[in-house]
Protein backbone atom coordinates (compact mmCIF):
# COMPACT_ATOMS: atom_id res chain seq x y z
CA UNK A 1 -1.48 1.47 37.77
CA UNK A 2 2.22 1.17 36.81
CA UNK A 3 4.09 3.96 35.05
CA UNK A 4 4.05 1.94 31.82
CA UNK A 5 0.36 1.25 32.13
CA UNK A 6 -0.39 4.90 32.80
CA UNK A 7 1.58 5.97 29.77
CA UNK A 8 -0.23 3.41 27.65
CA UNK A 9 -3.62 4.58 28.79
CA UNK A 10 -2.70 8.15 28.03
CA UNK A 11 -1.64 7.42 24.48
CA UNK A 12 -4.18 4.77 23.61
CA UNK A 13 -1.35 2.28 22.96
CA UNK A 14 -1.41 -0.92 25.05
CA UNK A 15 1.49 -1.71 27.33
CA UNK A 16 4.50 -3.41 25.67
CA UNK A 17 3.73 -6.75 27.30
CA UNK A 18 0.51 -7.00 25.31
CA UNK A 19 2.29 -6.67 21.97
CA UNK A 20 3.79 -10.16 21.91
CA UNK A 21 3.37 -11.73 18.47
CA UNK A 22 1.96 -8.59 16.86
CA UNK A 23 4.86 -7.95 14.47
CA UNK A 24 4.73 -11.27 12.56
CA UNK A 25 0.94 -10.93 12.37
CA UNK A 26 1.33 -7.47 10.84
CA UNK A 27 3.60 -9.11 8.28
CA UNK A 28 1.12 -11.90 7.47
CA UNK A 29 -1.87 -9.55 7.59
CA UNK A 30 -0.37 -7.35 4.87
CA UNK A 31 1.25 -10.27 3.00
CA UNK A 32 -2.05 -12.04 2.34
CA UNK A 33 -3.91 -8.82 1.53
CA UNK A 34 -1.42 -7.88 -1.17
CA UNK A 35 -1.33 -11.49 -2.35
CA UNK A 36 -4.99 -11.04 -3.21
CA UNK A 37 -4.36 -7.75 -4.98
CA UNK A 38 -1.30 -9.02 -6.86
CA UNK A 39 -2.75 -12.35 -7.91
CA UNK A 40 -6.04 -10.91 -9.12
CA UNK A 41 -4.70 -7.86 -10.97
CA UNK A 42 -1.63 -9.50 -12.49
CA UNK A 43 -2.96 -12.95 -13.45
CA UNK A 44 -6.58 -13.92 -12.83
CA UNK A 45 -8.42 -10.77 -13.90
CA UNK A 46 -6.49 -10.29 -17.18
CA UNK A 47 -7.03 -13.96 -18.07
CA UNK A 48 -10.74 -13.81 -17.31
CA UNK A 49 -11.21 -10.65 -19.37
CA UNK A 50 -9.17 -12.06 -22.26
CA UNK A 51 -11.31 -15.21 -22.39
CA UNK A 52 -14.46 -13.10 -22.32
CA UNK A 53 -13.53 -10.77 -25.21
CA UNK A 54 -10.01 -11.29 -26.68
CA UNK A 55 -10.31 -8.48 -29.24
CA UNK A 56 -11.01 -5.78 -26.63
CA UNK A 57 -9.01 -7.15 -23.71
CA UNK A 58 -6.70 -4.12 -23.31
CA UNK A 59 -9.50 -1.55 -23.17
CA UNK A 60 -11.69 -3.76 -20.97
CA UNK A 61 -8.90 -4.45 -18.48
CA UNK A 62 -8.18 -0.73 -18.23
CA UNK A 63 -11.88 -0.05 -17.63
CA UNK A 64 -12.20 -2.66 -14.86
CA UNK A 65 -8.99 -1.75 -13.05
CA UNK A 66 -9.59 2.00 -13.41
CA UNK A 67 -13.11 1.92 -11.97
CA UNK A 68 -12.00 -0.51 -9.26
CA UNK A 69 -9.09 1.74 -8.25
CA UNK A 70 -11.34 4.78 -7.84
CA UNK A 71 -13.84 2.75 -5.81
CA UNK A 72 -11.11 1.31 -3.58
CA UNK A 73 -9.50 4.70 -3.01
CA UNK A 74 -12.78 6.02 -1.61
CA UNK A 75 -13.57 2.93 0.47
CA UNK A 76 -10.26 3.04 2.34
CA UNK A 77 -10.81 6.29 4.30
CA UNK A 78 -14.56 5.63 4.58
CA UNK A 79 -13.91 2.19 6.10
CA UNK A 80 -11.29 3.74 8.35
CA UNK A 81 -13.70 6.42 9.57
CA UNK A 82 -16.33 3.80 10.35
CA UNK A 83 -13.88 1.72 12.37
CA UNK A 84 -12.70 4.84 14.22
CA UNK A 85 -16.28 5.43 15.33
CA UNK A 86 -16.93 1.78 16.20
CA UNK A 87 -17.55 0.98 19.87
CA UNK A 88 -18.13 -2.73 19.39
CA UNK A 89 -17.54 -4.99 22.37
CA UNK A 90 -15.29 -6.98 20.02
CA UNK A 91 -13.01 -3.96 19.51
CA UNK A 92 -12.81 -1.09 17.04
CA UNK A 93 -10.84 -2.83 14.29
CA UNK A 94 -11.80 -6.51 14.60
CA UNK A 95 -15.26 -6.28 12.97
CA UNK A 96 -13.78 -4.47 9.98
CA UNK A 97 -10.82 -6.83 9.66
CA UNK A 98 -13.00 -9.92 9.65
CA UNK A 99 -16.00 -8.39 7.89
CA UNK A 100 -13.88 -6.85 5.12
CA UNK A 101 -12.04 -10.12 4.50
CA UNK A 102 -15.17 -12.30 4.46
CA UNK A 103 -17.01 -9.93 2.11
CA UNK A 104 -13.97 -9.70 -0.17
CA UNK A 105 -14.01 -13.52 -0.42
CA UNK A 106 -17.74 -13.46 -1.19
CA UNK A 107 -17.36 -10.92 -4.00
CA UNK A 108 -14.34 -12.72 -5.44
CA UNK A 109 -16.51 -15.83 -5.60
CA UNK A 110 -19.09 -13.81 -7.54
CA UNK A 111 -16.35 -12.69 -9.93
CA UNK A 112 -15.36 -16.28 -10.56
CA UNK A 113 -18.84 -17.09 -11.84
CA UNK A 114 -19.29 -13.85 -13.82
CA UNK A 115 -20.23 -14.30 -17.47
CA UNK A 116 -20.17 -10.65 -18.55
CA UNK A 117 -18.00 -7.55 -18.19
CA UNK A 118 -20.55 -5.66 -16.09
CA UNK A 119 -20.62 -8.40 -13.45
CA UNK A 120 -16.82 -8.51 -13.38
CA UNK A 121 -16.70 -4.73 -12.82
CA UNK A 122 -19.24 -4.91 -9.99
CA UNK A 123 -17.52 -7.90 -8.42
CA UNK A 124 -14.02 -6.37 -8.52
CA UNK A 125 -15.19 -2.96 -7.30
CA UNK A 126 -16.84 -4.58 -4.28
CA UNK A 127 -14.08 -7.14 -3.64
CA UNK A 128 -11.34 -4.52 -3.86
CA UNK A 129 -13.45 -2.11 -1.83
CA UNK A 130 -13.85 -4.65 0.97
CA UNK A 131 -10.13 -5.37 0.77
CA UNK A 132 -9.59 -1.67 1.40
CA UNK A 133 -11.93 -1.74 4.40
CA UNK A 134 -9.72 -4.52 5.77
CA UNK A 135 -6.61 -2.55 4.79
CA UNK A 136 -7.77 0.57 6.64
CA UNK A 137 -8.27 -1.47 9.81
CA UNK A 138 -4.96 -3.34 9.59
CA UNK A 139 -3.07 -0.12 8.87
CA UNK A 140 -4.58 1.51 11.96
CA UNK A 141 -3.17 -1.23 14.17
CA UNK A 142 0.24 0.50 14.08
CA UNK A 143 -0.84 3.85 15.59
CA UNK A 144 -3.39 2.04 17.80
CA UNK A 145 -1.16 -0.52 19.46
CA UNK A 146 2.52 0.03 18.68
CA UNK A 147 4.62 2.35 20.87
CA UNK A 148 6.27 5.26 19.05
CA UNK A 149 9.74 3.81 19.50
CA UNK A 150 8.77 0.63 17.56
CA UNK A 151 6.86 2.25 14.69
CA UNK A 152 9.76 1.78 12.26
CA UNK A 153 9.83 -1.97 12.88
CA UNK A 154 6.04 -2.21 12.59
CA UNK A 155 6.04 -0.26 9.33
CA UNK A 156 8.86 -2.47 8.05
CA UNK A 157 6.71 -5.55 8.70
CA UNK A 158 3.84 -3.99 6.78
CA UNK A 159 6.10 -2.90 3.92
CA UNK A 160 7.77 -6.29 3.62
CA UNK A 161 4.35 -7.92 3.62
CA UNK A 162 3.23 -5.67 0.77
CA UNK A 163 6.25 -6.43 -1.43
CA UNK A 164 6.36 -10.15 -0.73
CA UNK A 165 2.58 -10.41 -0.96
CA UNK A 166 2.42 -9.17 -4.55
CA UNK A 167 5.05 -11.73 -5.51
CA UNK A 168 3.29 -14.53 -3.60
CA UNK A 169 -0.04 -13.62 -5.18
CA UNK A 170 1.42 -13.93 -8.67
CA UNK A 171 2.92 -17.32 -7.81
CA UNK A 172 -0.32 -18.64 -6.28
CA UNK A 173 -2.54 -17.29 -9.05
CA UNK A 174 -0.23 -18.80 -11.67
CA UNK A 175 -1.30 -22.24 -10.48
CA UNK A 176 -4.96 -21.54 -11.28
CA UNK A 177 -4.81 -20.27 -14.85
CA UNK A 178 -7.10 -23.12 -15.94
CA UNK A 179 -9.52 -22.70 -13.04
CA UNK A 180 -9.80 -18.97 -12.44
CA UNK A 181 -12.84 -19.32 -10.19
CA UNK A 182 -10.89 -21.56 -7.79
CA UNK A 183 -7.99 -19.10 -7.84
CA UNK A 184 -10.28 -16.30 -6.70
CA UNK A 185 -11.57 -18.43 -3.82
CA UNK A 186 -8.05 -19.43 -2.74
CA UNK A 187 -6.77 -15.85 -2.66
CA UNK A 188 -9.88 -14.67 -0.82
CA UNK A 189 -9.62 -17.57 1.61
CA UNK A 190 -6.02 -16.64 2.43
CA UNK A 191 -7.16 -13.11 3.29
CA UNK A 192 -9.84 -14.50 5.60
CA UNK A 193 -7.17 -16.66 7.29
CA UNK A 194 -5.05 -13.53 7.87
CA UNK A 195 -8.03 -11.72 9.39
CA UNK A 196 -8.90 -14.64 11.67
CA UNK A 197 -5.29 -14.79 12.91
CA UNK A 198 -5.22 -11.06 13.68
CA UNK A 199 -8.56 -11.16 15.47
CA UNK A 200 -7.83 -14.34 17.44
CA UNK A 201 -4.20 -13.79 18.35
CA UNK A 202 -3.96 -10.04 19.02
CA UNK A 203 -5.82 -7.81 21.43
CA UNK A 204 -7.99 -5.05 19.95
CA UNK A 205 -8.73 -2.63 22.84
CA UNK A 206 -12.37 -2.69 23.92
CA UNK A 207 -14.30 0.56 24.50
CA UNK A 208 -13.51 0.65 28.24
CA UNK A 209 -9.77 0.26 27.50
CA UNK A 210 -9.51 3.19 25.10
CA UNK A 211 -8.01 6.52 26.14
CA UNK A 212 -10.64 8.98 27.33
CA UNK A 213 -10.25 11.30 24.33
CA UNK A 214 -10.85 8.35 21.99
CA UNK A 215 -13.59 6.53 23.88
CA UNK A 216 -15.55 9.72 24.51
CA UNK A 217 -15.69 10.80 20.87
CA UNK A 218 -19.21 11.32 19.56
CA UNK A 219 -20.12 12.64 16.14
CA UNK A 220 -22.89 12.80 13.56
CA UNK A 221 -22.68 11.58 9.96
CA UNK A 222 -22.81 15.20 8.78
CA UNK A 223 -19.96 16.12 11.11
CA UNK A 224 -17.92 13.14 9.88
CA UNK A 225 -18.46 14.24 6.26
CA UNK A 226 -17.35 17.81 7.00
CA UNK A 227 -14.22 16.60 8.77
CA UNK A 228 -13.37 13.85 6.27
CA UNK A 229 -10.24 15.54 4.90
CA UNK A 230 -9.57 17.61 7.99
CA UNK A 231 -6.17 15.97 8.50
CA UNK A 232 -4.91 17.88 5.46
CA UNK A 233 -5.41 21.12 7.40
CA UNK A 234 -2.63 20.01 9.75
CA UNK A 235 0.68 21.28 8.45
CA UNK A 236 2.93 18.27 9.11
CA UNK A 237 0.39 15.75 7.81
CA UNK A 238 -0.10 17.81 4.65
CA UNK A 239 3.63 17.91 3.91
CA UNK A 240 3.97 14.15 4.42
CA UNK A 241 0.90 13.61 2.19
CA UNK A 242 2.37 15.76 -0.60
CA UNK A 243 5.75 14.04 -0.33
CA UNK A 244 4.17 10.59 -0.58
CA UNK A 245 2.06 11.64 -3.59
CA UNK A 246 5.07 12.92 -5.54
CA UNK A 247 7.28 9.94 -4.77
CA UNK A 248 4.47 7.51 -5.71
CA UNK A 249 3.67 9.33 -8.95
CA UNK A 250 7.29 9.18 -10.07
CA UNK A 251 7.74 5.55 -9.05
CA UNK A 252 4.64 4.20 -10.79
CA UNK A 253 5.14 6.31 -13.90
CA UNK A 254 8.26 4.21 -14.49
CA UNK A 255 6.85 0.91 -13.24
CA UNK A 256 3.65 1.08 -15.29
CA UNK A 257 5.56 1.37 -18.57
CA UNK A 258 8.33 -1.06 -17.75
CA UNK A 259 7.40 -3.64 -20.41
CA UNK A 260 7.06 -1.06 -23.18
CA UNK A 261 10.28 0.56 -21.98
CA UNK A 262 12.13 -2.73 -22.39
CA UNK A 263 10.60 -3.45 -25.80
CA UNK A 264 10.97 -0.01 -27.37
CA UNK A 265 13.90 1.65 -25.59
CA UNK A 266 16.17 -0.58 -23.50
CA UNK A 267 16.09 -3.99 -25.18
CA UNK A 268 16.26 -7.42 -23.56
CA UNK A 269 18.82 -10.23 -23.77
CA UNK A 270 18.65 -12.60 -26.73
CA UNK A 271 16.23 -15.44 -26.05
CA UNK A 272 14.30 -13.56 -23.33
CA UNK A 273 10.87 -12.10 -24.06
CA UNK A 274 9.82 -8.77 -22.47
CA UNK A 275 7.31 -10.43 -20.11
CA UNK A 276 10.02 -12.66 -18.61
CA UNK A 277 12.34 -9.67 -18.45
CA UNK A 278 9.77 -7.75 -16.43
CA UNK A 279 9.46 -10.74 -14.08
CA UNK A 280 13.24 -10.80 -13.57
CA UNK A 281 13.40 -7.07 -12.86
CA UNK A 282 10.42 -7.30 -10.51
CA UNK A 283 12.12 -10.08 -8.56
CA UNK A 284 15.32 -8.03 -8.25
CA UNK A 285 13.39 -4.98 -7.06
CA UNK A 286 11.29 -7.00 -4.60
CA UNK A 287 14.28 -8.69 -2.95
CA UNK A 288 16.16 -5.40 -2.65
CA UNK A 289 13.11 -3.57 -1.33
CA UNK A 290 12.28 -6.18 1.31
CA UNK A 291 15.86 -6.30 2.60
CA UNK A 292 16.04 -2.51 2.77
CA UNK A 293 12.65 -2.31 4.49
CA UNK A 294 13.65 -4.77 7.20
CA UNK A 295 16.89 -2.88 7.86
CA UNK A 296 15.73 0.72 7.42
CA UNK A 297 12.63 0.61 9.60
CA UNK A 298 14.26 -0.83 12.76
CA UNK A 299 17.35 1.35 12.25
CA UNK A 300 15.19 4.48 12.23
CA UNK A 301 13.76 3.27 15.56
CA UNK A 302 17.22 2.77 17.03
CA UNK A 303 18.46 6.21 15.95
CA UNK A 304 15.09 7.88 16.60
CA UNK A 305 15.39 9.66 13.26
CA UNK A 306 12.74 9.60 10.52
CA UNK A 307 13.23 12.72 8.37
CA UNK A 308 16.85 11.91 7.56
CA UNK A 309 15.93 8.43 6.29
CA UNK A 310 12.99 9.70 4.23
CA UNK A 311 15.02 12.56 2.70
CA UNK A 312 18.06 10.42 1.84
CA UNK A 313 15.98 7.55 0.43
CA UNK A 314 13.89 9.95 -1.69
CA UNK A 315 17.03 11.58 -3.09
CA UNK A 316 18.44 8.08 -3.67
CA UNK A 317 15.36 7.18 -5.74
CA UNK A 318 15.96 10.33 -7.79
CA UNK A 319 19.65 9.55 -8.25
CA UNK A 320 18.96 5.96 -9.32
CA UNK A 321 16.97 7.28 -12.30
CA UNK A 322 20.18 8.69 -13.75
CA UNK A 323 21.35 5.12 -14.42
CA UNK A 324 18.95 4.20 -17.28
CA UNK A 325 19.04 7.82 -18.48
CA UNK A 326 22.82 7.74 -18.99
CA UNK A 327 23.12 4.09 -20.02
CA UNK A 328 19.95 2.52 -21.48
CA UNK A 329 20.97 -1.14 -21.37
CA UNK A 330 19.68 -4.38 -19.83
CA UNK A 331 22.59 -4.58 -17.38
CA UNK A 332 21.96 -1.02 -16.24
CA UNK A 333 18.25 -1.75 -15.83
CA UNK A 334 19.02 -4.62 -13.47
CA UNK A 335 21.30 -2.33 -11.47
CA UNK A 336 18.66 0.41 -11.52
CA UNK A 337 15.94 -1.90 -10.19
CA UNK A 338 18.22 -3.09 -7.38
CA UNK A 339 19.32 0.40 -6.32
CA UNK A 340 15.87 1.92 -6.71
CA UNK A 341 14.34 -1.00 -4.80
CA UNK A 342 16.75 -0.47 -1.91
CA UNK A 343 15.96 3.22 -1.58
CA UNK A 344 12.22 2.77 -2.13
CA UNK A 345 12.10 0.03 0.52
CA UNK A 346 13.70 2.31 3.10
CA UNK A 347 11.39 5.14 2.07
CA UNK A 348 8.18 3.13 2.45
CA UNK A 349 9.15 1.69 5.84
CA UNK A 350 10.26 4.95 7.45
CA UNK A 351 7.76 7.28 5.77
CA UNK A 352 4.88 5.07 6.90
CA UNK A 353 6.25 5.18 10.45
CA UNK A 354 6.51 8.96 10.19
CA UNK A 355 2.88 9.23 9.07
CA UNK A 356 1.75 7.50 12.26
CA UNK A 357 3.68 10.14 14.24
CA UNK A 358 2.05 13.16 12.57
CA UNK A 359 -1.56 11.97 12.79
CA UNK A 360 -3.68 14.87 14.06
CA UNK A 361 -5.87 12.65 16.25
CA UNK A 362 -5.55 9.18 17.76
CA UNK A 363 -9.33 8.90 17.59
CA UNK A 364 -9.33 9.27 13.79
CA UNK A 365 -6.25 7.17 13.07
CA UNK A 366 -7.82 4.76 10.57
CA UNK A 367 -9.65 7.53 8.69
CA UNK A 368 -6.53 9.67 8.41
CA UNK A 369 -4.34 6.73 7.41
CA UNK A 370 -7.00 6.09 4.76
CA UNK A 371 -6.72 9.70 3.63
CA UNK A 372 -2.98 9.15 3.27
CA UNK A 373 -3.80 6.14 1.08
CA UNK A 374 -5.18 8.64 -1.44
CA UNK A 375 -1.56 9.80 -1.85
CA UNK A 376 -0.70 6.17 -2.69
CA UNK A 377 -3.67 5.23 -4.86
CA UNK A 378 -4.38 8.55 -6.61
CA UNK A 379 -0.97 8.81 -8.30
CA UNK A 380 -1.20 5.16 -9.35
CA UNK A 381 -4.48 5.95 -11.10
CA UNK A 382 -3.17 9.02 -12.96
CA UNK A 383 0.42 7.84 -13.57
CA UNK A 384 -0.39 5.95 -16.82
CA UNK A 385 -1.90 9.12 -18.29
CA UNK A 386 0.96 11.35 -17.09
CA UNK A 387 3.58 8.91 -18.38
CA UNK A 388 1.89 8.51 -21.76
CA UNK A 389 1.85 12.29 -22.30
CA UNK A 390 5.53 12.55 -21.39
CA UNK A 391 6.54 9.62 -23.63
CA UNK A 392 4.44 10.68 -26.62
CA UNK A 393 4.77 14.46 -26.48
CA UNK A 394 7.71 15.51 -24.30
CA UNK A 395 10.72 13.53 -25.50
CA UNK A 396 10.15 9.82 -24.90
CA UNK A 397 11.47 7.58 -22.15
CA UNK A 398 14.51 9.75 -21.39
CA UNK A 399 12.16 12.59 -20.48
CA UNK A 400 10.14 10.21 -18.30
CA UNK A 401 13.27 9.39 -16.24
CA UNK A 402 13.95 13.10 -15.77
CA UNK A 403 10.39 13.93 -14.70
CA UNK A 404 10.31 10.97 -12.29
CA UNK A 405 13.63 12.13 -10.79
CA UNK A 406 12.32 15.68 -10.35
CA UNK A 407 9.22 14.32 -8.60
CA UNK A 408 11.41 12.28 -6.24
CA UNK A 409 13.49 15.36 -5.39
CA UNK A 410 10.30 17.34 -4.77
CA UNK A 411 9.08 14.53 -2.49
CA UNK A 412 12.34 14.71 -0.55
CA UNK A 413 12.10 18.48 -0.14
CA UNK A 414 8.48 18.20 1.04
CA UNK A 415 9.69 16.40 4.16
CA UNK A 416 11.95 19.22 5.34
CA UNK A 417 9.18 21.53 6.69
CA UNK A 418 7.84 18.77 9.00
CA UNK A 419 8.44 19.95 12.56
CA UNK A 420 6.95 17.39 14.92
CA UNK A 421 9.21 14.49 13.88
CA UNK A 422 12.99 14.42 13.93
């Protein structure tokens, strides 16, 4: 065995020569997943619910998305744990990539034919849950197969796919506003295509190719349950988890109230309605975030520095919130979304790479990456409630900017105690 091959076997990461083509497939694999999420949540689901019961559309949409978010948050680490324990001759991740995508398509098809709210709730919970099973498997590809020195690039591909995917999903779904059922099938079919490409064109290590400490793992369901959140007992992982949770809470507290912020506080240009204004700001943020992601991730690889990038980008997110606080205008909001998008893009690319470097166990990579997803999804679930309390009871939108900035600073400081990553 060559020196490279020996090192690969020891870490569970295949030799560099077997990684050809993986990076663009990580991009497409995340792109088409988040296309499904973005298209359903932003366009198809609200339209379907509005046509079902126009008078109660706001409450019903909140009910469906809220229940679905909780369900998905749980399915991500559970799906990851199951794929960690898989010893299929087709690989650990492949059955969950393909199975999650196919089942998501099936449940989206059920949603398209739903005639009542209960069926929509069941369909979206299961479709989003299966999307999260797929997501857990695709996320685990980075620690499974990518060498440490290329984790920034790999995380940049995933981050760019996420940002571009939401935008693509909205554009695709917008073409099916008169045939929602077909839109669901198209978005689900694109996810299946992404899964097929990953399974067919990349190599998922088989049981005999796994490192000994991974291949030899045996556990019982009771043991898995007891160890489910065990990663949080590891100091570095816990600090990264807390940092991600605080940054995400601050970010989505602002994003979730963007339309109301424009209508009631900032104002929009004459002749532009708030919905179009949100679309313009989202486009600005997406372009800035993608560019920053594609630069920040590879640059952190080249310099072999992660903490510096995460700290500076978190503080940059905090500083950007001073812009609308000091000058609440449409021009400032465009500048804010560009600056905040740049810093948040760098943060997501490099912080995700850093997570893969503080995982307590290679054998539980998908489960623990799923646990980290709680720091992404949990704050998104509670952020509307936190933001509404701040806006209604603690001083309005100006107070919301201040609280979001404080959370970003706290997220930056949470990275400093991490010891195992430079």
